[in-house]
């Protein structure tokens, strides 16, 4: 099940009376560093948190894609998560699907829409009417997720992690 990152989240249990440092991230993460943490500890915590988020969304992407593949008989050659400068997903000519890991910050329905969009490209390469008709078969309510993504794409940044 997709973990939506929408509420404060404490990363790592530390045993101490008072934290020396607090890191408050824009998307609700609060990390208290222990007194013995060095000057680069915030970067190390951010790197570990980024890795955890990528693993989390990778698992979700694979589960959702496997469901679509079994239901619609369309199996990608490979499916991976990646860093994108622009865009949310891609489907190469050989059937390799890439999904932007920043979608971990989106509602599950939005992640499902992006994956459905790329899976639909396995059958229809272009964005013509047959593509949109088939996408509607996979994700009947995709318009709401597409609209959410268009309206909120700026909030799906991981800049707070130094990326």
N, C-alpha and C. Protein backbone atom coordinates (compact mmCIF):
# COMPACT_ATOMS: atom_id res chain seq x y z
N UNK A 1 0.83 -1.17 0.00
CA UNK A 1 0.00 0.00 0.00
C UNK A 1 0.88 1.24 0.00
N UNK A 2 0.48 2.23 -0.75
CA UNK A 2 1.23 3.48 -0.92
C UNK A 2 1.18 4.30 0.37
N UNK A 3 2.33 4.79 0.79
CA UNK A 3 2.40 5.65 1.96
C UNK A 3 2.40 7.09 1.49
N UNK A 4 1.34 7.82 1.79
CA UNK A 4 1.29 9.23 1.42
C UNK A 4 2.00 10.03 2.50
N UNK A 5 2.91 10.87 2.07
CA UNK A 5 3.71 11.67 3.00
C UNK A 5 3.00 13.00 3.17
N UNK A 6 2.00 13.04 4.05
CA UNK A 6 1.20 14.26 4.20
C UNK A 6 1.17 14.77 5.63
N UNK A 7 1.65 13.99 6.58
CA UNK A 7 1.62 14.40 7.97
C UNK A 7 3.03 14.37 8.54
N UNK A 8 3.25 15.05 9.66
CA UNK A 8 4.59 15.02 10.25
C UNK A 8 5.07 13.59 10.46
N UNK A 9 6.34 13.41 10.27
CA UNK A 9 6.94 12.09 10.27
C UNK A 9 8.25 12.17 11.03
N UNK A 10 8.44 11.34 12.04
CA UNK A 10 9.69 11.35 12.81
C UNK A 10 10.59 10.27 12.24
N UNK A 11 11.81 10.63 11.91
CA UNK A 11 12.75 9.72 11.27
C UNK A 11 13.80 9.32 12.28
N UNK A 12 13.76 8.08 12.71
CA UNK A 12 14.80 7.54 13.59
C UNK A 12 14.57 7.84 15.05
N UNK A 13 14.61 6.81 15.88
CA UNK A 13 14.48 7.02 17.33
C UNK A 13 15.84 7.37 17.94
N UNK A 14 15.87 8.44 18.68
CA UNK A 14 17.09 8.84 19.37
C UNK A 14 16.77 8.96 20.86
N UNK A 15 17.70 8.51 21.70
CA UNK A 15 17.48 8.57 23.15
C UNK A 15 18.31 9.70 23.73
N UNK A 16 17.61 10.72 24.16
CA UNK A 16 18.28 11.86 24.78
C UNK A 16 17.23 12.71 25.47
N UNK A 17 17.69 13.57 26.32
CA UNK A 17 16.75 14.44 27.03
C UNK A 17 16.30 15.61 26.17
N UNK A 18 17.24 16.28 25.56
CA UNK A 18 16.91 17.43 24.71
C UNK A 18 17.69 17.34 23.41
N UNK A 19 17.00 17.53 22.29
CA UNK A 19 17.73 17.52 21.03
C UNK A 19 18.57 18.79 20.90
N UNK A 20 19.74 18.62 20.32
CA UNK A 20 20.59 19.78 20.05
C UNK A 20 20.12 20.47 18.77
N UNK A 21 19.71 19.67 17.80
CA UNK A 21 19.32 20.20 16.50
C UNK A 21 17.98 19.64 16.08
N UNK A 22 17.22 20.43 15.40
CA UNK A 22 15.99 19.97 14.76
C UNK A 22 16.09 20.30 13.29
N UNK A 23 15.70 19.38 12.46
CA UNK A 23 15.58 19.64 11.03
C UNK A 23 14.10 19.58 10.70
N UNK A 24 13.55 20.63 10.20
CA UNK A 24 12.15 20.63 9.81
C UNK A 24 12.11 20.75 8.30
N UNK A 25 11.55 19.74 7.66
CA UNK A 25 11.48 19.73 6.21
C UNK A 25 10.13 20.25 5.76
N UNK A 26 10.12 20.89 4.62
CA UNK A 26 8.95 21.54 4.06
C UNK A 26 7.74 20.61 3.96
N UNK A 27 7.93 19.36 3.67
CA UNK A 27 6.81 18.44 3.50
C UNK A 27 6.42 17.71 4.78
N UNK A 28 6.82 18.23 5.93
CA UNK A 28 6.34 17.68 7.18
C UNK A 28 7.30 16.80 7.93
N UNK A 29 8.51 16.61 7.46
CA UNK A 29 9.47 15.77 8.17
C UNK A 29 10.15 16.57 9.27
N UNK A 30 10.27 15.97 10.43
CA UNK A 30 11.00 16.57 11.54
C UNK A 30 12.01 15.54 12.01
N UNK A 31 13.27 15.92 12.02
CA UNK A 31 14.32 15.00 12.44
C UNK A 31 15.10 15.66 13.56
N UNK A 32 15.12 15.03 14.71
CA UNK A 32 15.92 15.50 15.84
C UNK A 32 17.24 14.74 15.82
N UNK A 33 18.32 15.47 15.76
CA UNK A 33 19.63 14.83 15.76
C UNK A 33 20.16 14.73 17.18
N UNK A 34 20.84 13.64 17.50
CA UNK A 34 21.36 13.45 18.85
C UNK A 34 22.54 14.40 19.11
N UNK A 35 22.85 14.62 20.38
CA UNK A 35 23.92 15.55 20.73
C UNK A 35 25.27 15.19 20.11
N UNK A 36 25.53 13.93 19.87
CA UNK A 36 26.82 13.52 19.35
C UNK A 36 26.93 13.64 17.83
N UNK A 37 25.85 14.05 17.16
CA UNK A 37 25.87 14.13 15.69
C UNK A 37 26.84 15.22 15.23
N UNK A 38 27.58 14.93 14.19
CA UNK A 38 28.55 15.87 13.65
C UNK A 38 27.91 16.91 12.75
N UNK A 39 28.73 17.76 12.19
CA UNK A 39 28.26 18.86 11.36
C UNK A 39 27.56 18.43 10.08
N UNK A 40 27.93 17.27 9.53
CA UNK A 40 27.30 16.80 8.29
C UNK A 40 26.17 15.81 8.55
N UNK A 41 25.76 15.66 9.79
CA UNK A 41 24.72 14.68 10.12
C UNK A 41 23.41 14.98 9.40
N UNK A 42 23.08 16.26 9.24
CA UNK A 42 21.84 16.59 8.55
C UNK A 42 21.86 16.09 7.11
N UNK A 43 23.02 16.16 6.46
CA UNK A 43 23.13 15.66 5.09
C UNK A 43 23.02 14.14 5.05
N UNK A 44 23.59 13.48 6.04
CA UNK A 44 23.50 12.02 6.10
C UNK A 44 22.06 11.57 6.32
N UNK A 45 21.36 12.25 7.21
CA UNK A 45 19.96 11.91 7.48
C UNK A 45 19.12 12.16 6.23
N UNK A 46 19.36 13.29 5.56
CA UNK A 46 18.61 13.59 4.34
C UNK A 46 18.86 12.54 3.27
N UNK A 47 20.11 12.08 3.14
CA UNK A 47 20.44 11.06 2.14
C UNK A 47 19.73 9.75 2.46
N UNK A 48 19.72 9.36 3.74
CA UNK A 48 19.05 8.12 4.14
C UNK A 48 17.54 8.22 3.95
N UNK A 49 16.97 9.38 4.26
CA UNK A 49 15.54 9.57 4.07
C UNK A 49 15.19 9.50 2.59
N UNK A 50 16.01 10.10 1.75
CA UNK A 50 15.78 10.05 0.30
C UNK A 50 15.83 8.60 -0.20
N UNK A 51 16.79 7.82 0.27
CA UNK A 51 16.89 6.41 -0.12
C UNK A 51 15.66 5.63 0.34
N UNK A 52 15.21 5.90 1.56
CA UNK A 52 14.02 5.22 2.08
C UNK A 52 12.79 5.56 1.22
N UNK A 53 12.63 6.83 0.87
CA UNK A 53 11.49 7.25 0.05
C UNK A 53 11.54 6.60 -1.33
N UNK A 54 12.73 6.53 -1.91
CA UNK A 54 12.87 5.89 -3.23
C UNK A 54 12.53 4.41 -3.16
N UNK A 55 12.99 3.73 -2.11
CA UNK A 55 12.65 2.31 -1.96
C UNK A 55 11.14 2.13 -1.80
N UNK A 56 10.54 3.02 -1.04
CA UNK A 56 9.10 2.96 -0.78
C UNK A 56 8.31 3.11 -2.08
N UNK A 57 8.63 4.14 -2.85
CA UNK A 57 7.87 4.36 -4.08
C UNK A 57 8.19 3.27 -5.12
N UNK A 58 9.41 2.75 -5.12
CA UNK A 58 9.77 1.66 -6.05
C UNK A 58 8.88 0.45 -5.78
N UNK A 59 8.69 0.12 -4.51
CA UNK A 59 7.83 -1.01 -4.15
C UNK A 59 6.39 -0.77 -4.61
N UNK A 60 5.89 0.44 -4.36
CA UNK A 60 4.53 0.77 -4.77
C UNK A 60 4.37 0.70 -6.29
N UNK A 61 5.34 1.25 -7.01
CA UNK A 61 5.29 1.26 -8.48
C UNK A 61 5.24 -0.16 -9.01
N UNK A 62 6.09 -1.02 -8.48
CA UNK A 62 6.13 -2.40 -8.97
C UNK A 62 4.81 -3.13 -8.68
N UNK A 63 4.23 -2.90 -7.50
CA UNK A 63 2.96 -3.55 -7.16
C UNK A 63 1.83 -3.08 -8.07
N UNK A 64 1.75 -1.77 -8.28
CA UNK A 64 0.67 -1.21 -9.11
C UNK A 64 0.84 -1.67 -10.56
N UNK A 65 2.07 -1.61 -11.07
CA UNK A 65 2.32 -2.03 -12.46
C UNK A 65 2.01 -3.51 -12.64
N UNK A 66 2.35 -4.33 -11.65
CA UNK A 66 2.05 -5.77 -11.74
C UNK A 66 0.55 -6.00 -11.81
N UNK A 67 -0.21 -5.23 -11.05
CA UNK A 67 -1.67 -5.35 -11.08
C UNK A 67 -2.21 -4.99 -12.46
N UNK A 68 -1.77 -3.85 -13.01
CA UNK A 68 -2.22 -3.45 -14.35
C UNK A 68 -1.79 -4.47 -15.40
N UNK A 69 -0.58 -4.96 -15.27
CA UNK A 69 -0.08 -5.94 -16.24
C UNK A 69 -0.93 -7.20 -16.26
N UNK A 70 -1.26 -7.69 -15.07
CA UNK A 70 -2.06 -8.92 -15.01
C UNK A 70 -3.49 -8.68 -15.48
N UNK A 71 -4.05 -7.53 -15.16
CA UNK A 71 -5.44 -7.25 -15.55
C UNK A 71 -5.60 -6.95 -17.03
N UNK A 72 -4.58 -6.35 -17.65
CA UNK A 72 -4.73 -5.91 -19.04
C UNK A 72 -3.77 -6.59 -20.00
N UNK A 73 -2.99 -7.55 -19.50
CA UNK A 73 -2.10 -8.30 -20.37
C UNK A 73 -0.99 -7.49 -21.00
N UNK A 74 -0.54 -6.46 -20.33
CA UNK A 74 0.52 -5.59 -20.84
C UNK A 74 1.67 -5.57 -19.84
N UNK A 75 2.72 -6.25 -20.16
CA UNK A 75 3.87 -6.32 -19.25
C UNK A 75 5.02 -5.47 -19.78
N UNK A 76 5.45 -4.49 -19.01
CA UNK A 76 6.63 -3.73 -19.44
C UNK A 76 7.86 -4.62 -19.42
N UNK A 77 8.82 -4.29 -20.25
CA UNK A 77 10.09 -5.03 -20.24
C UNK A 77 10.79 -4.82 -18.90
N UNK A 78 10.75 -3.58 -18.42
CA UNK A 78 11.27 -3.25 -17.10
C UNK A 78 10.50 -2.05 -16.58
N UNK A 79 10.52 -1.88 -15.27
CA UNK A 79 9.91 -0.70 -14.66
C UNK A 79 10.81 -0.26 -13.52
N UNK A 80 11.17 1.02 -13.56
CA UNK A 80 12.10 1.56 -12.56
C UNK A 80 11.65 2.95 -12.13
N UNK A 81 12.15 3.38 -11.00
CA UNK A 81 11.95 4.76 -10.58
C UNK A 81 13.25 5.51 -10.83
N UNK A 82 13.12 6.80 -11.10
CA UNK A 82 14.29 7.60 -11.45
C UNK A 82 14.05 9.05 -11.07
N UNK A 83 15.13 9.82 -11.10
CA UNK A 83 15.06 11.28 -10.95
C UNK A 83 14.76 11.88 -12.31
N UNK A 84 13.75 12.70 -12.39
CA UNK A 84 13.40 13.39 -13.63
C UNK A 84 13.57 14.89 -13.42
N UNK A 85 14.16 15.56 -14.39
CA UNK A 85 14.19 17.02 -14.36
C UNK A 85 12.80 17.55 -14.71
N UNK A 86 12.15 16.89 -15.66
CA UNK A 86 10.80 17.27 -16.10
C UNK A 86 10.01 15.99 -16.35
N UNK A 87 8.74 16.05 -16.08
CA UNK A 87 7.86 14.92 -16.37
C UNK A 87 7.73 13.95 -15.22
N UNK A 88 6.76 13.05 -15.36
CA UNK A 88 6.44 12.12 -14.28
C UNK A 88 6.67 10.67 -14.65
N UNK A 89 6.74 10.39 -15.93
CA UNK A 89 6.98 9.03 -16.36
C UNK A 89 7.32 8.98 -17.83
N UNK A 90 7.84 7.84 -18.25
CA UNK A 90 8.12 7.64 -19.67
C UNK A 90 8.04 6.15 -19.97
N UNK A 91 7.73 5.86 -21.23
CA UNK A 91 7.70 4.48 -21.71
C UNK A 91 8.48 4.44 -23.01
N UNK A 92 9.63 3.80 -22.99
CA UNK A 92 10.48 3.71 -24.17
C UNK A 92 9.92 2.75 -25.21
N UNK A 93 10.46 2.83 -26.41
CA UNK A 93 9.99 2.01 -27.53
C UNK A 93 10.11 0.51 -27.24
N UNK A 94 11.08 0.13 -26.40
CA UNK A 94 11.25 -1.29 -26.06
C UNK A 94 10.37 -1.73 -24.89
N UNK A 95 9.56 -0.81 -24.36
CA UNK A 95 8.67 -1.17 -23.26
C UNK A 95 9.26 -0.97 -21.88
N UNK A 96 10.33 -0.18 -21.79
CA UNK A 96 10.92 0.14 -20.48
C UNK A 96 10.22 1.36 -19.91
N UNK A 97 9.67 1.20 -18.72
CA UNK A 97 8.93 2.28 -18.08
C UNK A 97 9.76 2.87 -16.95
N UNK A 98 9.81 4.21 -16.92
CA UNK A 98 10.45 4.95 -15.83
C UNK A 98 9.39 5.81 -15.16
N UNK A 99 9.42 5.86 -13.84
CA UNK A 99 8.49 6.67 -13.06
C UNK A 99 9.30 7.59 -12.16
N UNK A 100 8.91 8.85 -12.08
CA UNK A 100 9.58 9.83 -11.24
C UNK A 100 9.34 9.51 -9.77
N UNK A 101 10.42 9.35 -9.01
CA UNK A 101 10.28 8.95 -7.60
C UNK A 101 9.62 10.03 -6.76
N UNK A 102 9.58 11.28 -7.22
CA UNK A 102 8.94 12.36 -6.45
C UNK A 102 7.43 12.13 -6.29
N UNK A 103 6.88 11.19 -7.05
CA UNK A 103 5.47 10.87 -6.90
C UNK A 103 5.17 10.22 -5.55
N UNK A 104 6.19 9.91 -4.77
CA UNK A 104 5.97 9.42 -3.41
C UNK A 104 5.23 10.48 -2.59
N UNK A 105 5.35 11.75 -2.99
CA UNK A 105 4.69 12.84 -2.28
C UNK A 105 3.27 13.10 -2.76
N UNK A 106 2.81 12.36 -3.75
CA UNK A 106 1.48 12.53 -4.32
C UNK A 106 0.51 11.52 -3.72
N UNK A 107 -0.79 11.80 -3.81
CA UNK A 107 -1.77 10.79 -3.39
C UNK A 107 -1.63 9.52 -4.24
N UNK A 108 -2.03 8.41 -3.67
CA UNK A 108 -1.89 7.12 -4.36
C UNK A 108 -2.58 7.12 -5.72
N UNK A 109 -3.75 7.74 -5.81
CA UNK A 109 -4.49 7.78 -7.08
C UNK A 109 -3.67 8.45 -8.18
N UNK A 110 -2.88 9.44 -7.81
CA UNK A 110 -2.05 10.14 -8.80
C UNK A 110 -0.92 9.23 -9.27
N UNK A 111 -0.29 8.53 -8.34
CA UNK A 111 0.75 7.56 -8.71
C UNK A 111 0.15 6.49 -9.63
N UNK A 112 -1.03 6.00 -9.28
CA UNK A 112 -1.70 4.99 -10.11
C UNK A 112 -1.97 5.53 -11.51
N UNK A 113 -2.39 6.79 -11.60
CA UNK A 113 -2.65 7.40 -12.92
C UNK A 113 -1.39 7.44 -13.77
N UNK A 114 -0.28 7.89 -13.20
CA UNK A 114 0.96 8.00 -13.97
C UNK A 114 1.41 6.62 -14.46
N UNK A 115 1.30 5.63 -13.60
CA UNK A 115 1.68 4.27 -14.01
C UNK A 115 0.73 3.76 -15.09
N UNK A 116 -0.57 3.98 -14.92
CA UNK A 116 -1.55 3.57 -15.94
C UNK A 116 -1.26 4.25 -17.27
N UNK A 117 -0.90 5.53 -17.22
CA UNK A 117 -0.58 6.29 -18.43
C UNK A 117 0.58 5.63 -19.18
N UNK A 118 1.62 5.28 -18.44
CA UNK A 118 2.79 4.66 -19.10
C UNK A 118 2.48 3.24 -19.57
N UNK A 119 1.71 2.50 -18.81
CA UNK A 119 1.31 1.15 -19.24
C UNK A 119 0.46 1.24 -20.51
N UNK A 120 -0.41 2.26 -20.60
CA UNK A 120 -1.23 2.44 -21.81
C UNK A 120 -0.35 2.65 -23.04
N UNK A 121 0.82 3.25 -22.86
CA UNK A 121 1.75 3.45 -23.98
C UNK A 121 2.31 2.13 -24.51
N UNK A 122 2.21 1.07 -23.75
CA UNK A 122 2.64 -0.23 -24.25
C UNK A 122 1.74 -0.69 -25.40
N UNK A 123 0.51 -0.22 -25.41
CA UNK A 123 -0.43 -0.57 -26.49
C UNK A 123 -0.52 0.54 -27.54
N UNK A 124 -0.52 1.79 -27.11
CA UNK A 124 -0.67 2.94 -28.02
C UNK A 124 0.46 3.92 -27.73
N UNK A 125 1.39 4.06 -28.67
CA UNK A 125 2.57 4.90 -28.45
C UNK A 125 2.23 6.39 -28.38
N UNK A 126 1.31 6.86 -29.21
CA UNK A 126 1.02 8.30 -29.26
C UNK A 126 -0.16 8.65 -28.35
N UNK A 127 -0.38 9.95 -28.18
CA UNK A 127 -1.48 10.43 -27.34
C UNK A 127 -2.74 10.70 -28.17
N UNK A 128 -3.01 9.87 -29.14
CA UNK A 128 -4.21 10.02 -29.95
C UNK A 128 -5.44 9.49 -29.22
N UNK A 129 -6.62 9.64 -29.85
CA UNK A 129 -7.87 9.17 -29.22
C UNK A 129 -7.84 7.71 -28.77
N UNK A 130 -7.24 6.78 -29.54
CA UNK A 130 -7.21 5.39 -29.04
C UNK A 130 -6.44 5.25 -27.71
N UNK A 131 -5.38 6.05 -27.56
CA UNK A 131 -4.62 6.02 -26.30
C UNK A 131 -5.51 6.43 -25.14
N UNK A 132 -6.18 7.59 -25.28
CA UNK A 132 -7.00 8.11 -24.18
C UNK A 132 -8.17 7.18 -23.88
N UNK A 133 -8.75 6.57 -24.91
CA UNK A 133 -9.83 5.60 -24.69
C UNK A 133 -9.32 4.40 -23.90
N UNK A 134 -8.14 3.91 -24.26
CA UNK A 134 -7.58 2.76 -23.55
C UNK A 134 -7.20 3.13 -22.12
N UNK A 135 -6.62 4.32 -21.94
CA UNK A 135 -6.28 4.77 -20.58
C UNK A 135 -7.53 4.83 -19.72
N UNK A 136 -8.63 5.27 -20.30
CA UNK A 136 -9.90 5.32 -19.56
C UNK A 136 -10.35 3.92 -19.14
N UNK A 137 -9.99 2.90 -19.91
CA UNK A 137 -10.29 1.52 -19.54
C UNK A 137 -9.47 1.10 -18.32
N UNK A 138 -8.20 1.50 -18.30
CA UNK A 138 -7.32 1.14 -17.19
C UNK A 138 -7.65 1.96 -15.94
N UNK A 139 -7.83 3.27 -16.13
CA UNK A 139 -8.06 4.19 -15.01
C UNK A 139 -9.25 5.09 -15.36
N UNK A 140 -10.48 4.62 -15.10
CA UNK A 140 -11.67 5.36 -15.53
C UNK A 140 -11.76 6.80 -15.04
N UNK A 141 -11.20 7.09 -13.88
CA UNK A 141 -11.28 8.45 -13.33
C UNK A 141 -9.94 9.19 -13.42
N UNK A 142 -9.17 8.90 -14.47
CA UNK A 142 -7.82 9.48 -14.55
C UNK A 142 -7.83 11.00 -14.65
N UNK A 143 -8.92 11.61 -15.17
CA UNK A 143 -8.94 13.06 -15.35
C UNK A 143 -8.72 13.80 -14.03
N UNK A 144 -9.31 13.30 -12.94
CA UNK A 144 -9.15 13.95 -11.64
C UNK A 144 -7.69 13.90 -11.18
N UNK A 145 -7.05 12.76 -11.37
CA UNK A 145 -5.64 12.64 -10.98
C UNK A 145 -4.74 13.49 -11.86
N UNK A 146 -5.04 13.54 -13.15
CA UNK A 146 -4.27 14.38 -14.07
C UNK A 146 -4.41 15.84 -13.67
N UNK A 147 -5.63 16.27 -13.33
CA UNK A 147 -5.86 17.65 -12.91
C UNK A 147 -5.12 17.95 -11.61
N UNK A 148 -5.13 17.00 -10.67
CA UNK A 148 -4.41 17.20 -9.41
C UNK A 148 -2.92 17.38 -9.68
N UNK A 149 -2.38 16.55 -10.54
CA UNK A 149 -0.96 16.62 -10.85
C UNK A 149 -0.62 17.94 -11.53
N UNK A 150 -1.46 18.39 -12.45
CA UNK A 150 -1.23 19.67 -13.12
C UNK A 150 -1.25 20.82 -12.11
N UNK A 151 -2.18 20.76 -11.16
CA UNK A 151 -2.32 21.85 -10.18
C UNK A 151 -1.27 21.81 -9.08
N UNK A 152 -0.75 20.63 -8.77
CA UNK A 152 0.13 20.49 -7.60
C UNK A 152 1.55 20.04 -7.92
N UNK A 153 1.93 20.05 -9.18
CA UNK A 153 3.24 19.51 -9.53
C UNK A 153 4.39 20.21 -8.83
N UNK A 154 4.25 21.49 -8.52
CA UNK A 154 5.31 22.21 -7.82
C UNK A 154 5.52 21.76 -6.39
N UNK A 155 4.53 21.12 -5.80
CA UNK A 155 4.65 20.68 -4.41
C UNK A 155 5.30 19.31 -4.28
N UNK A 156 5.65 18.68 -5.40
CA UNK A 156 6.22 17.34 -5.37
C UNK A 156 7.74 17.36 -5.48
N UNK A 157 8.32 18.42 -5.03
CA UNK A 157 9.78 18.57 -5.09
C UNK A 157 10.43 17.92 -3.88
N UNK A 158 11.65 17.47 -4.07
CA UNK A 158 12.44 16.93 -2.96
C UNK A 158 13.63 17.83 -2.68
N UNK A 159 13.51 19.12 -3.00
CA UNK A 159 14.61 20.05 -2.76
C UNK A 159 15.00 20.10 -1.29
N UNK A 160 14.03 19.88 -0.41
CA UNK A 160 14.31 19.92 1.02
C UNK A 160 15.28 18.82 1.44
N UNK A 161 15.51 17.84 0.55
CA UNK A 161 16.47 16.77 0.83
C UNK A 161 17.82 17.03 0.17
N UNK A 162 17.96 18.20 -0.42
CA UNK A 162 19.22 18.53 -1.07
C UNK A 162 19.36 17.90 -2.43
N UNK A 163 18.23 17.53 -3.06
CA UNK A 163 18.32 16.91 -4.39
C UNK A 163 17.98 17.90 -5.47
